[in-house]
PDB file of N, CA and C in Angstrom:
ATOM      1  N   MET A   1     108.523  83.174 115.497  1.00  0.00           N
ATOM      2  CA  MET A   1     109.649  83.886 115.209  1.00  0.00           C
ATOM      3  C   MET A   1     110.525  83.289 114.199  1.00  0.00           C
ATOM      4  N   VAL A   2     110.952  84.053 113.189  1.00  0.00           N
ATOM      5  CA  VAL A   2     111.787  83.512 112.171  1.00  0.00           C
ATOM      6  C   VAL A   2     113.033  84.363 112.258  1.00  0.00           C
ATOM      7  N   VAL A   3     114.132  83.650 112.115  1.00  0.00           N
ATOM      8  CA  VAL A   3     115.485  84.324 112.213  1.00  0.00           C
ATOM      9  C   VAL A   3     116.214  84.195 110.899  1.00  0.00           C
ATOM     10  N   CYS A   4     116.454  85.238 110.198  1.00  0.00           N
ATOM     11  CA  CYS A   4     117.253  85.138 108.879  1.00  0.00           C
ATOM     12  C   CYS A   4     118.663  85.626 109.188  1.00  0.00           C
ATOM     13  N   ALA A   5     119.678  85.071 108.270  1.00  0.00           N
ATOM     14  CA  ALA A   5     121.040  85.301 108.326  1.00  0.00           C
ATOM     15  C   ALA A   5     121.424  85.780 107.085  1.00  0.00           C
ATOM     16  N   LYS A   6     122.386  86.828 107.053  1.00  0.00           N
ATOM     17  CA  LYS A   6     122.866  87.403 105.806  1.00  0.00           C
ATOM     18  C   LYS A   6     124.340  87.127 105.675  1.00  0.00           C
ATOM     19  N   VAL A   7     124.772  86.791 104.509  1.00  0.00           N
ATOM     20  CA  VAL A   7     126.200  86.624 104.259  1.00  0.00           C
ATOM     21  C   VAL A   7     126.381  87.467 102.992  1.00  0.00           C
ATOM     22  N   ARG A   8     127.546  88.210 103.013  1.00  0.00           N
ATOM     23  CA  ARG A   8     127.907  88.999 101.808  1.00  0.00           C
ATOM     24  C   ARG A   8     128.996  88.237 101.059  1.00  0.00           C
ATOM     25  N   GLU A   9     128.766  88.228  99.726  1.00  0.00           N
ATOM     26  CA  GLU A   9     129.876  87.745  98.808  1.00  0.00           C
ATOM     27  C   GLU A   9     130.000  88.767  97.784  1.00  0.00           C
ATOM     28  N   GLY A  10     131.060  89.700  98.049  1.00  0.00           N
ATOM     29  CA  GLY A  10     131.297  90.836  97.135  1.00  0.00           C
ATOM     30  C   GLY A  10     130.245  91.855  97.403  1.00  0.00           C
ATOM     31  N   ASP A  11     129.573  92.111  96.367  1.00  0.00           N
ATOM     32  CA  ASP A  11     128.416  93.054  96.386  1.00  0.00           C
ATOM     33  C   ASP A  11     126.989  92.360  96.565  1.00  0.00           C
ATOM     34  N   LYS A  12     127.045  91.004  96.575  1.00  0.00           N
ATOM     35  CA  LYS A  12     125.910  90.101  96.679  1.00  0.00           C
ATOM     36  C   LYS A  12     125.537  89.861  98.090  1.00  0.00           C
ATOM     37  N   ARG A  13     124.226  90.003  98.461  1.00  0.00           N
ATOM     38  CA  ARG A  13     123.720  89.625  99.703  1.00  0.00           C
ATOM     39  C   ARG A  13     122.907  88.240  99.544  1.00  0.00           C
ATOM     40  N   ILE A  14     123.367  87.431 100.500  1.00  0.00           N
ATOM     41  CA  ILE A  14     122.622  86.089 100.437  1.00  0.00           C
ATOM     42  C   ILE A  14     121.979  85.938 101.705  1.00  0.00           C
ATOM     43  N   VAL A  15     120.596  85.904 101.753  1.00  0.00           N
ATOM     44  CA  VAL A  15     119.732  85.738 102.984  1.00  0.00           C
ATOM     45  C   VAL A  15     119.184  84.346 103.024  1.00  0.00           C
ATOM     46  N   ARG A  16     119.293  83.722 104.110  1.00  0.00           N
ATOM     47  CA  ARG A  16     118.716  82.397 104.430  1.00  0.00           C
ATOM     48  C   ARG A  16     117.963  82.406 105.734  1.00  0.00           C
ATOM     49  N   ILE A  17     116.930  81.577 105.769  1.00  0.00           N
ATOM     50  CA  ILE A  17     116.212  81.399 106.971  1.00  0.00           C
ATOM     51  C   ILE A  17     117.062  80.466 107.838  1.00  0.00           C
ATOM     52  N   LYS A  18     117.438  81.055 109.036  1.00  0.00           N
ATOM     53  CA  LYS A  18     118.202  80.219 109.995  1.00  0.00           C
ATOM     54  C   LYS A  18     117.388  79.347 110.909  1.00  0.00           C
ATOM     55  N   GLU A  19     116.233  79.868 111.396  1.00  0.00           N
ATOM     56  CA  GLU A  19     115.327  79.097 112.159  1.00  0.00           C
ATOM     57  C   GLU A  19     113.872  79.675 112.015  1.00  0.00           C
ATOM     58  N   GLY A  20     112.879  78.823 112.214  1.00  0.00           N
ATOM     59  CA  GLY A  20     111.533  79.239 112.089  1.00  0.00           C
ATOM     60  C   GLY A  20     110.918  79.027 110.711  1.00  0.00           C
ATOM     61  N   ASN A  21     109.605  79.102 110.664  1.00  0.00           N
ATOM     62  CA  ASN A  21     108.844  78.952 109.443  1.00  0.00           C
ATOM     63  C   ASN A  21     107.859  80.018 109.159  1.00  0.00           C
ATOM     64  N   PRO A  22     108.119  80.718 108.167  1.00  0.00           N
ATOM     65  CA  PRO A  22     107.193  81.994 107.784  1.00  0.00           C
ATOM     66  C   PRO A  22     105.831  81.613 107.190  1.00  0.00           C
ATOM     67  N   GLU A  23     105.715  80.279 106.899  1.00  0.00           N
ATOM     68  CA  GLU A  23     104.579  79.915 105.984  1.00  0.00           C
ATOM     69  C   GLU A  23     103.257  80.279 106.635  1.00  0.00           C
ATOM     70  N   GLY A  24     102.339  80.886 105.951  1.00  0.00           N
ATOM     71  CA  GLY A  24     101.082  81.364 106.366  1.00  0.00           C
ATOM     72  C   GLY A  24     101.052  82.506 107.340  1.00  0.00           C
ATOM     73  N   CYS A  25     102.165  83.181 107.526  1.00  0.00           N
ATOM     74  CA  CYS A  25     102.313  84.319 108.458  1.00  0.00           C
ATOM     75  C   CYS A  25     102.511  85.626 107.883  1.00  0.00           C
ATOM     76  N   HIS A  26     102.189  86.687 108.642  1.00  0.00           N
ATOM     77  CA  HIS A  26     102.486  88.053 108.253  1.00  0.00           C
ATOM     78  C   HIS A  26     103.763  88.262 109.158  1.00  0.00           C
ATOM     79  N   VAL A  27     104.926  88.338 108.414  1.00  0.00           N
ATOM     80  CA  VAL A  27     106.255  88.395 109.084  1.00  0.00           C
ATOM     81  C   VAL A  27     106.694  89.880 109.080  1.00  0.00           C
ATOM     82  N   VAL A  28     107.100  90.364 110.286  1.00  0.00           N
ATOM     83  CA  VAL A  28     107.674  91.802 110.478  1.00  0.00           C
ATOM     84  C   VAL A  28     109.108  91.755 110.659  1.00  0.00           C
ATOM     85  N   ILE A  29     109.891  92.185 109.679  1.00  0.00           N
ATOM     86  CA  ILE A  29     111.346  92.153 109.796  1.00  0.00           C
ATOM     87  C   ILE A  29     111.763  93.385 110.616  1.00  0.00           C
ATOM     88  N   VAL A  30     112.643  93.081 111.683  1.00  0.00           N
ATOM     89  CA  VAL A  30     113.039  94.127 112.657  1.00  0.00           C
ATOM     90  C   VAL A  30     114.532  94.437 112.475  1.00  0.00           C
ATOM     91  N   ASP A  31     114.833  95.614 112.147  1.00  0.00           N
ATOM     92  CA  ASP A  31     116.277  95.946 112.051  1.00  0.00           C
ATOM     93  C   ASP A  31     116.552  97.276 112.561  1.00  0.00           C
ATOM     94  N   ASP A  32     117.895  97.590 112.805  1.00  0.00           N
ATOM     95  CA  ASP A  32     118.171  98.824 113.414  1.00  0.00           C
ATOM     96  C   ASP A  32     118.387  99.986 112.512  1.00  0.00           C
ATOM     97  N   LEU A  33     118.769  99.575 111.339  1.00  0.00           N
ATOM     98  CA  LEU A  33     119.285 100.670 110.324  1.00  0.00           C
ATOM     99  C   LEU A  33     119.041 100.143 108.908  1.00  0.00           C
ATOM    100  N   VAL A  34     118.617 101.088 108.054  1.00  0.00           N
ATOM    101  CA  VAL A  34     118.374 100.787 106.648  1.00  0.00           C
ATOM    102  C   VAL A  34     119.019 101.948 105.865  1.00  0.00           C
ATOM    103  N   GLN A  35     119.831 101.534 104.861  1.00  0.00           N
ATOM    104  CA  GLN A  35     120.334 102.543 103.895  1.00  0.00           C
ATOM    105  C   GLN A  35     119.782 102.304 102.493  1.00  0.00           C
ATOM    106  N   SER A  36     120.514 101.269 101.816  1.00  0.00           N
ATOM    107  CA  SER A  36     120.015 101.104 100.416  1.00  0.00           C
ATOM    108  C   SER A  36     118.738 100.186 100.425  1.00  0.00           C
ATOM    109  N   GLY A  37     118.557  99.419 101.521  1.00  0.00           N
ATOM    110  CA  GLY A  37     117.487  98.456 101.589  1.00  0.00           C
ATOM    111  C   GLY A  37     117.631  97.194 100.883  1.00  0.00           C
ATOM    112  N   GLY A  38     118.876  96.932 100.444  1.00  0.00           N
ATOM    113  CA  GLY A  38     119.060  95.686  99.650  1.00  0.00           C
ATOM    114  C   GLY A  38     118.894  94.519 100.500  1.00  0.00           C
ATOM    115  N   THR A  39     119.338  94.532 101.742  1.00  0.00           N
ATOM    116  CA  THR A  39     119.255  93.341 102.702  1.00  0.00           C
ATOM    117  C   THR A  39     117.808  93.072 102.920  1.00  0.00           C
ATOM    118  N   LEU A  40     116.887  94.086 103.177  1.00  0.00           N
ATOM    119  CA  LEU A  40     115.466  93.998 103.476  1.00  0.00           C
ATOM    120  C   LEU A  40     114.768  93.322 102.330  1.00  0.00           C
ATOM    121  N   ILE A  41     115.075  93.765 101.162  1.00  0.00           N
ATOM    122  CA  ILE A  41     114.373  93.333  99.913  1.00  0.00           C
ATOM    123  C   ILE A  41     114.806  91.836  99.781  1.00  0.00           C
ATOM    124  N   GLU A  42     116.097  91.383  99.978  1.00  0.00           N
ATOM    125  CA  GLU A  42     116.464  90.001  99.775  1.00  0.00           C
ATOM    126  C   GLU A  42     115.759  89.068 100.822  1.00  0.00           C
ATOM    127  N   CYS A  43     115.631  89.681 102.088  1.00  0.00           N
ATOM    128  CA  CYS A  43     114.940  88.994 103.134  1.00  0.00           C
ATOM    129  C   CYS A  43     113.468  88.836 102.779  1.00  0.00           C
ATOM    130  N   GLN A  44     112.824  89.876 102.319  1.00  0.00           N
ATOM    131  CA  GLN A  44     111.419  89.725 101.855  1.00  0.00           C
ATOM    132  C   GLN A  44     111.244  88.687 100.761  1.00  0.00           C
ATOM    133  N   LYS A  45     112.194  88.609  99.886  1.00  0.00           N
ATOM    134  CA  LYS A  45     111.974  87.557  98.814  1.00  0.00           C
ATOM    135  C   LYS A  45     112.146  86.243  99.300  1.00  0.00           C
ATOM    136  N   VAL A  46     113.011  85.967 100.317  1.00  0.00           N
ATOM    137  CA  VAL A  46     113.249  84.661 100.849  1.00  0.00           C
ATOM    138  C   VAL A  46     112.013  84.279 101.780  1.00  0.00           C
ATOM    139  N   LEU A  47     111.472  85.236 102.524  1.00  0.00           N
ATOM    140  CA  LEU A  47     110.367  84.910 103.368  1.00  0.00           C
ATOM    141  C   LEU A  47     109.147  84.660 102.466  1.00  0.00           C
ATOM    142  N   SER A  48     108.827  85.434 101.408  1.00  0.00           N
ATOM    143  CA  SER A  48     107.669  85.188 100.557  1.00  0.00           C
ATOM    144  C   SER A  48     107.841  83.815  99.877  1.00  0.00           C
ATOM    145  N   ALA A  49     109.086  83.564  99.436  1.00  0.00           N
ATOM    146  CA  ALA A  49     109.376  82.204  98.793  1.00  0.00           C
ATOM    147  C   ALA A  49     109.070  80.982  99.664  1.00  0.00           C
ATOM    148  N   HIS A  50     109.168  81.312 101.003  1.00  0.00           N
ATOM    149  CA  HIS A  50     108.937  80.256 102.004  1.00  0.00           C
ATOM    150  C   HIS A  50     107.561  80.318 102.546  1.00  0.00           C
ATOM    151  N   GLY A  51     106.672  81.010 101.878  1.00  0.00           N
ATOM    152  CA  GLY A  51     105.188  81.016 102.302  1.00  0.00           C
ATOM    153  C   GLY A  51     104.669  82.211 103.121  1.00  0.00           C
ATOM    154  N   ALA A  52     105.405  83.102 103.495  1.00  0.00           N
ATOM    155  CA  ALA A  52     104.860  84.303 104.158  1.00  0.00           C
ATOM    156  C   ALA A  52     103.751  84.951 103.406  1.00  0.00           C
ATOM    157  N   THR A  53     102.653  85.159 104.042  1.00  0.00           N
ATOM    158  CA  THR A  53     101.568  85.771 103.347  1.00  0.00           C
ATOM    159  C   THR A  53     101.733  87.208 103.206  1.00  0.00           C
ATOM    160  N   ARG A  54     102.381  87.821 104.071  1.00  0.00           N
ATOM    161  CA  ARG A  54     102.719  89.271 104.080  1.00  0.00           C
ATOM    162  C   ARG A  54     103.947  89.534 104.682  1.00  0.00           C
ATOM    163  N   VAL A  55     104.740  90.513 104.282  1.00  0.00           N
ATOM    164  CA  VAL A  55     106.043  90.880 104.863  1.00  0.00           C
ATOM    165  C   VAL A  55     105.952  92.327 105.128  1.00  0.00           C
ATOM    166  N   SER A  56     106.309  92.874 106.371  1.00  0.00           N
ATOM    167  CA  SER A  56     106.414  94.191 106.637  1.00  0.00           C
ATOM    168  C   SER A  56     107.787  94.451 107.333  1.00  0.00           C
ATOM    169  N   ALA A  57     108.169  95.737 107.553  1.00  0.00           N
ATOM    170  CA  ALA A  57     109.428  95.976 108.132  1.00  0.00           C
ATOM    171  C   ALA A  57     109.291  97.177 109.326  1.00  0.00           C
ATOM    172  N   TYR A  58     110.041  97.019 110.238  1.00  0.00           N
ATOM    173  CA  TYR A  58     110.203  98.008 111.186  1.00  0.00           C
ATOM    174  C   TYR A  58     111.727  98.377 111.323  1.00  0.00           C
ATOM    175  N   VAL A  59     112.124  99.609 111.067  1.00  0.00           N
ATOM    176  CA  VAL A  59     113.494 100.036 111.191  1.00  0.00           C
ATOM    177  C   VAL A  59     113.667 101.214 112.052  1.00  0.00           C
ATOM    178  N   THR A  60     114.591 101.124 112.958  1.00  0.00           N
ATOM    179  CA  THR A  60     114.652 102.405 113.799  1.00  0.00           C
ATOM    180  C   THR A  60     115.172 103.533 113.075  1.00  0.00           C
ATOM    181  N   HIS A  61     116.240 103.470 112.408  1.00  0.00           N
ATOM    182  CA  HIS A  61     116.834 104.559 111.671  1.00  0.00           C
ATOM    183  C   HIS A  61     116.851 104.278 110.156  1.00  0.00           C
ATOM    184  N   GLY A  62     115.980 105.165 109.546  1.00  0.00           N
ATOM    185  CA  GLY A  62     115.771 105.081 108.016  1.00  0.00           C
ATOM    186  C   GLY A  62     116.718 106.158 107.438  1.00  0.00           C
ATOM    187  N   VAL A  63     117.849 105.757 107.058  1.00  0.00           N
ATOM    188  CA  VAL A  63     118.880 106.757 106.547  1.00  0.00           C
ATOM    189  C   VAL A  63     118.514 107.073 105.030  1.00  0.00           C
ATOM    190  N   PHE A  64     118.371 106.045 104.275  1.00  0.00           N
ATOM    191  CA  PHE A  64     117.971 106.083 102.851  1.00  0.00           C
ATOM    192  C   PHE A  64     118.771 107.131 102.004  1.00  0.00           C
ATOM    193  N   PRO A  65     120.187 106.971 101.891  1.00  0.00           N
ATOM    194  CA  PRO A  65     120.891 107.875 100.989  1.00  0.00           C
ATOM    195  C   PRO A  65     120.411 107.717  99.538  1.00  0.00           C
ATOM    196  N   LYS A  66     120.641 108.910  98.822  1.00  0.00           N
ATOM    197  CA  LYS A  66     120.240 108.982  97.407  1.00  0.00           C
ATOM    198  C   LYS A  66     118.925 108.411  97.224  1.00  0.00           C
ATOM    199  N   GLN A  67     117.820 108.824  98.027  1.00  0.00           N
ATOM    200  CA  GLN A  67     116.496 108.360  97.895  1.00  0.00           C
ATOM    201  C   GLN A  67     116.206 106.962  97.706  1.00  0.00           C
ATOM    202  N   SER A  68     117.064 106.113  98.358  1.00  0.00           N
ATOM    203  CA  SER A  68     116.841 104.696  98.230  1.00  0.00           C
ATOM    204  C   SER A  68     115.520 104.251  98.703  1.00  0.00           C
ATOM    205  N   TRP A  69     114.793 105.020  99.520  1.00  0.00           N
ATOM    206  CA  TRP A  69     113.420 104.696 100.041  1.00  0.00           C
ATOM    207  C   TRP A  69     112.542 104.446  98.829  1.00  0.00           C
ATOM    208  N   GLU A  70     112.748 105.000  97.624  1.00  0.00           N
ATOM    209  CA  GLU A  70     111.813 104.926  96.536  1.00  0.00           C
ATOM    210  C   GLU A  70     111.576 103.537  96.153  1.00  0.00           C
ATOM    211  N   ARG A  71     112.594 102.564  96.302  1.00  0.00           N
ATOM    212  CA  ARG A  71     112.424 101.172  95.966  1.00  0.00           C
ATOM    213  C   ARG A  71     111.292 100.440  96.787  1.00  0.00           C
ATOM    214  N   PHE A  72     110.786 100.965  97.879  1.00  0.00           N
ATOM    215  CA  PHE A  72     109.780 100.503  98.766  1.00  0.00           C
ATOM    216  C   PHE A  72     108.447 101.083  98.447  1.00  0.00           C
ATOM    217  N   VAL A  73     108.339 102.177  97.825  1.00  0.00           N
ATOM    218  CA  VAL A  73     107.079 102.787  97.660  1.00  0.00           C
ATOM    219  C   VAL A  73     106.144 101.938  96.800  1.00  0.00           C
ATOM    220  N   HIS A  74     104.822 101.832  97.177  1.00  0.00           N
ATOM    221  CA  HIS A  74     103.903 100.958  96.355  1.00  0.00           C
ATOM    222  C   HIS A  74     103.656 101.664  95.076  1.00  0.00           C
ATOM    223  N   LYS A  75     103.763 100.701  94.164  1.00  0.00           N
ATOM    224  CA  LYS A  75     103.481 101.202  92.658  1.00  0.00           C
ATOM    225  C   LYS A  75     102.391 100.266  92.114  1.00  0.00           C
ATOM    226  N   GLY A  76     101.240 100.796  91.932  1.00  0.00           N
ATOM    227  CA  GLY A  76     100.119  99.925  91.373  1.00  0.00           C
ATOM    228  C   GLY A  76      99.818  98.761  92.337  1.00  0.00           C
ATOM    229  N   THR A  77      99.817  97.578  91.726  1.00  0.00           N
ATOM    230  CA  THR A  77      99.547  96.434  92.583  1.00  0.00           C
ATOM    231  C   THR A  77     100.819  95.781  93.226  1.00  0.00           C
ATOM    232  N   GLU A  78     101.963  96.319  92.843  1.00  0.00           N
ATOM    233  CA  GLU A  78     103.258  95.859  93.457  1.00  0.00           C
ATOM    234  C   GLU A  78     103.373  96.312  94.844  1.00  0.00           C
ATOM    235  N   LYS A  79     103.312  95.384  95.777  1.00  0.00           N
ATOM    236  CA  LYS A  79     103.411  95.717  97.187  1.00  0.00           C
ATOM    237  C   LYS A  79     104.254  94.682  98.001  1.00  0.00           C
ATOM    238  N   ALA A  80     105.570  94.740  97.798  1.00  0.00           N
ATOM    239  CA  ALA A  80     106.510  93.809  98.381  1.00  0.00           C
ATOM    240  C   ALA A  80     106.342  93.803  99.947  1.00  0.00           C
ATOM    241  N   PHE A  81     106.189  95.082 100.451  1.00  0.00           N
ATOM    242  CA  PHE A  81     106.096  95.187 101.866  1.00  0.00           C
ATOM    243  C   PHE A  81     104.807  95.903 102.267  1.00  0.00           C
ATOM    244  N   SER A  82     104.024  95.161 103.073  1.00  0.00           N
ATOM    245  CA  SER A  82     102.731  95.744 103.433  1.00  0.00           C
ATOM    246  C   SER A  82     102.758  96.985 104.149  1.00  0.00           C
ATOM    247  N   TYR A  83     103.684  96.959 105.117  1.00  0.00           N
ATOM    248  CA  TYR A  83     103.863  98.095 106.026  1.00  0.00           C
ATOM    249  C   TYR A  83     105.429  98.339 106.194  1.00  0.00           C
ATOM    250  N   PHE A  84     105.731  99.659 106.372  1.00  0.00           N
ATOM    251  CA  PHE A  84     107.318  99.858 106.598  1.00  0.00           C
ATOM    252  C   PHE A  84     107.318 100.985 107.610  1.00  0.00           C
ATOM    253  N   TRP A  85     107.462 100.577 108.923  1.00  0.00           N
ATOM    254  CA  TRP A  85     107.479 101.624 109.907  1.00  0.00           C
ATOM    255  C   TRP A  85     108.862 102.005 110.183  1.00  0.00           C
ATOM    256  N   ILE A  86     109.096 103.358 110.325  1.00  0.00           N
ATOM    257  CA  ILE A  86     110.352 103.876 110.824  1.00  0.00           C
ATOM    258  C   ILE A  86     110.089 104.956 111.891  1.00  0.00           C
ATOM    259  N   THR A  87     111.146 105.202 112.634  1.00  0.00           N
ATOM    260  CA  THR A  87     111.024 106.216 113.567  1.00  0.00           C
ATOM    261  C   THR A  87     111.422 107.612 112.894  1.00  0.00           C
ATOM    262  N   ASP A  88     111.181 108.690 113.696  1.00  0.00           N
ATOM    263  CA  ASP A  88     111.467 109.855 113.144  1.00  0.00           C
ATOM    264  C   ASP A  88     112.996 110.383 113.508  1.00  0.00           C
ATOM    265  N   SER A  89     113.813 109.490 113.702  1.00  0.00           N
ATOM    266  CA  SER A  89     115.232 109.847 114.090  1.00  0.00           C
ATOM    267  C   SER A  89     116.020 110.419 112.954  1.00  0.00           C
ATOM    268  N   CYS A  90     115.568 110.323 111.698  1.00  0.00           N
ATOM    269  CA  CYS A  90     116.212 110.986 110.568  1.00  0.00           C
ATOM    270  C   CYS A  90     115.298 111.906 109.959  1.00  0.00           C
ATOM    271  N   PRO A  91     115.170 113.211 110.358  1.00  0.00           N
ATOM    272  CA  PRO A  91     114.076 114.191 109.887  1.00  0.00           C
ATOM    273  C   PRO A  91     114.047 114.278 108.277  1.00  0.00           C
ATOM    274  N   GLN A  92     115.232 114.287 107.733  1.00  0.00           N
ATOM    275  CA  GLN A  92     115.218 114.462 106.194  1.00  0.00           C
ATOM    276  C   GLN A  92     114.410 113.297 105.596  1.00  0.00           C
ATOM    277  N   THR A  93     114.565 112.183 106.168  1.00  0.00           N
ATOM    278  CA  THR A  93     113.798 110.929 105.567  1.00  0.00           C
ATOM    279  C   THR A  93     112.306 111.088 105.836  1.00  0.00           C
ATOM    280  N   VAL A  94     111.997 111.505 107.030  1.00  0.00           N
ATOM    281  CA  VAL A  94     110.594 111.727 107.297  1.00  0.00           C
ATOM    282  C   VAL A  94     109.987 112.734 106.362  1.00  0.00           C
ATOM    283  N   LYS A  95     110.609 113.752 106.105  1.00  0.00           N
ATOM    284  CA  LYS A  95     110.013 114.799 105.025  1.00  0.00           C
ATOM    285  C   LYS A  95     109.826 114.136 103.673  1.00  0.00           C
ATOM    286  N   ALA A  96     110.805 113.253 103.210  1.00  0.00           N
ATOM    287  CA  ALA A  96     110.771 112.685 101.857  1.00  0.00           C
ATOM    288  C   ALA A  96     109.729 111.607 101.825  1.00  0.00           C
ATOM    289  N   ILE A  97     109.303 110.770 102.839  1.00  0.00           N
ATOM    290  CA  ILE A  97     108.552 109.671 102.770  1.00  0.00           C
ATOM    291  C   ILE A  97     107.137 109.910 103.257  1.00  0.00           C
ATOM    292  N   GLU A  98     106.825 111.102 103.838  1.00  0.00           N
ATOM    293  CA  GLU A  98     105.660 111.417 104.445  1.00  0.00           C
ATOM    294  C   GLU A  98     104.454 111.128 103.358  1.00  0.00           C
ATOM    295  N   ASN A  99     103.497 110.410 103.825  1.00  0.00           N
ATOM    296  CA  ASN A  99     102.278 110.144 103.090  1.00  0.00           C
ATOM    297  C   ASN A  99     102.551 109.194 101.835  1.00  0.00           C
ATOM    298  N   LYS A 100     103.570 108.453 101.954  1.00  0.00           N
ATOM    299  CA  LYS A 100     103.852 107.417 100.828  1.00  0.00           C
ATOM    300  C   LYS A 100     103.815 106.050 101.347  1.00  0.00           C
ATOM    301  N   ALA A 101     102.821 105.210 100.818  1.00  0.00           N
ATOM    302  CA  ALA A 101     102.675 103.930 101.321  1.00  0.00           C
ATOM    303  C   ALA A 101     103.943 103.210 100.673  1.00  0.00           C
ATOM    304  N   PRO A 102     104.346 102.262 101.544  1.00  0.00           N
ATOM    305  CA  PRO A 102     103.885 101.649 102.717  1.00  0.00           C
ATOM    306  C   PRO A 102     104.423 102.272 104.036  1.00  0.00           C
ATOM    307  N   PHE A 103     105.095 103.458 103.936  1.00  0.00           N
ATOM    308  CA  PHE A 103     105.785 104.041 105.192  1.00  0.00           C
ATOM    309  C   PHE A 103     104.694 104.652 106.189  1.00  0.00           C
ATOM    310  N   GLU A 104     105.145 104.419 107.416  1.00  0.00           N
ATOM    311  CA  GLU A 104     104.430 104.975 108.545  1.00  0.00           C
ATOM    312  C   GLU A 104     105.578 105.430 109.568  1.00  0.00           C
ATOM    313  N   ILE A 105     105.377 106.626 110.085  1.00  0.00           N
ATOM    314  CA  ILE A 105     106.282 107.167 110.957  1.00  0.00           C
ATOM    315  C   ILE A 105     105.820 106.912 112.386  1.00  0.00           C
ATOM    316  N   ILE A 106     106.897 106.569 113.243  1.00  0.00           N
ATOM    317  CA  ILE A 106     106.653 106.295 114.764  1.00  0.00           C
ATOM    318  C   ILE A 106     107.554 107.422 115.339  1.00  0.00           C
ATOM    319  N   SER A 107     106.821 108.299 116.187  1.00  0.00           N
ATOM    320  CA  SER A 107     107.693 109.283 116.834  1.00  0.00           C
ATOM    321  C   SER A 107     108.415 108.735 118.086  1.00  0.00           C
ATOM    322  N   LEU A 108     109.724 109.100 118.293  1.00  0.00           N
ATOM    323  CA  LEU A 108     110.449 108.794 119.403  1.00  0.00           C
ATOM    324  C   LEU A 108     110.269 109.655 120.550  1.00  0.00           C
ATOM    325  N   ALA A 109     109.565 110.761 120.329  1.00  0.00           N
ATOM    326  CA  ALA A 109     109.499 111.819 121.501  1.00  0.00           C
ATOM    327  C   ALA A 109     108.913 111.206 122.756  1.00  0.00           C
ATOM    328  N   GLY A 110     107.828 110.520 122.820  1.00  0.00           N
ATOM    329  CA  GLY A 110     107.354 109.996 123.994  1.00  0.00           C
ATOM    330  C   GLY A 110     108.180 109.028 124.654  1.00  0.00           C
ATOM    331  N   SER A 111     108.829 108.022 123.956  1.00  0.00           N
ATOM    332  CA  SER A 111     109.812 107.123 124.428  1.00  0.00           C
ATOM    333  C   SER A 111     111.051 107.828 125.125  1.00  0.00           C
ATOM    334  N   ILE A 112     111.450 108.739 124.475  1.00  0.00           N
ATOM    335  CA  ILE A 112     112.685 109.507 124.998  1.00  0.00           C
ATOM    336  C   ILE A 112     112.211 110.270 126.272  1.00  0.00           C
ATOM    337  N   ALA A 113     111.082 110.916 126.205  1.00  0.00           N
ATOM    338  CA  ALA A 113     110.636 111.672 127.426  1.00  0.00           C
ATOM    339  C   ALA A 113     110.393 110.752 128.551  1.00  0.00           C
ATOM    340  N   ASN A 114     109.881 109.701 128.310  1.00  0.00           N
ATOM    341  CA  ASN A 114     109.656 108.559 129.434  1.00  0.00           C
ATOM    342  C   ASN A 114     110.955 108.074 129.983  1.00  0.00           C
ATOM    343  N   ALA A 115     111.931 107.860 129.058  1.00  0.00           N
ATOM    344  CA  ALA A 115     113.170 107.481 129.515  1.00  0.00           C
ATOM    345  C   ALA A 115     113.967 108.403 130.333  1.00  0.00           C
ATOM    346  N   LEU A 116     113.766 109.604 130.002  1.00  0.00           N
ATOM    347  CA  LEU A 116     114.413 110.827 130.809  1.00  0.00           C
ATOM    348  C   LEU A 116     113.554 111.148 131.952  1.00  0.00           C
ATOM    349  N   GLN A 117     112.340 110.548 132.085  1.00  0.00           N
ATOM    350  CA  GLN A 117     111.463 110.836 133.193  1.00  0.00           C
ATOM    351  C   GLN A 117     111.060 112.316 133.270  1.00  0.00           C
ATOM    352  N   ILE A 118     110.666 112.888 132.058  1.00  0.00           N
ATOM    353  CA  ILE A 118     110.298 114.216 132.018  1.00  0.00           C
ATOM    354  C   ILE A 118     108.651 114.177 132.062  1.00  0.00           C
TER     355      ILE A 118
END
């Protein structure tokens, strides 16, 4: 496990590895919410600079205002994120990113039904 910490200085995000070593690993960043994606991108850069072989992300709520999801879409050989999993909690985002690598959608329906014991 690798723990990263973020500090904001004005509009700048500074991400540092707080504990762990990503060298030689496929690291999956886990976060609750993404909007612009700036923090995820900074985290990916730090992890890659410290030897992560691949970086992916799981985010529960992919809000992505102003189509900010576009900065994650694979273009040619440029693949900062191997996978980017999000749930279907934001239907407009799901429609926008459907069938666009690296995004994969995880349905919340089964988890919610199980939690409600339906």
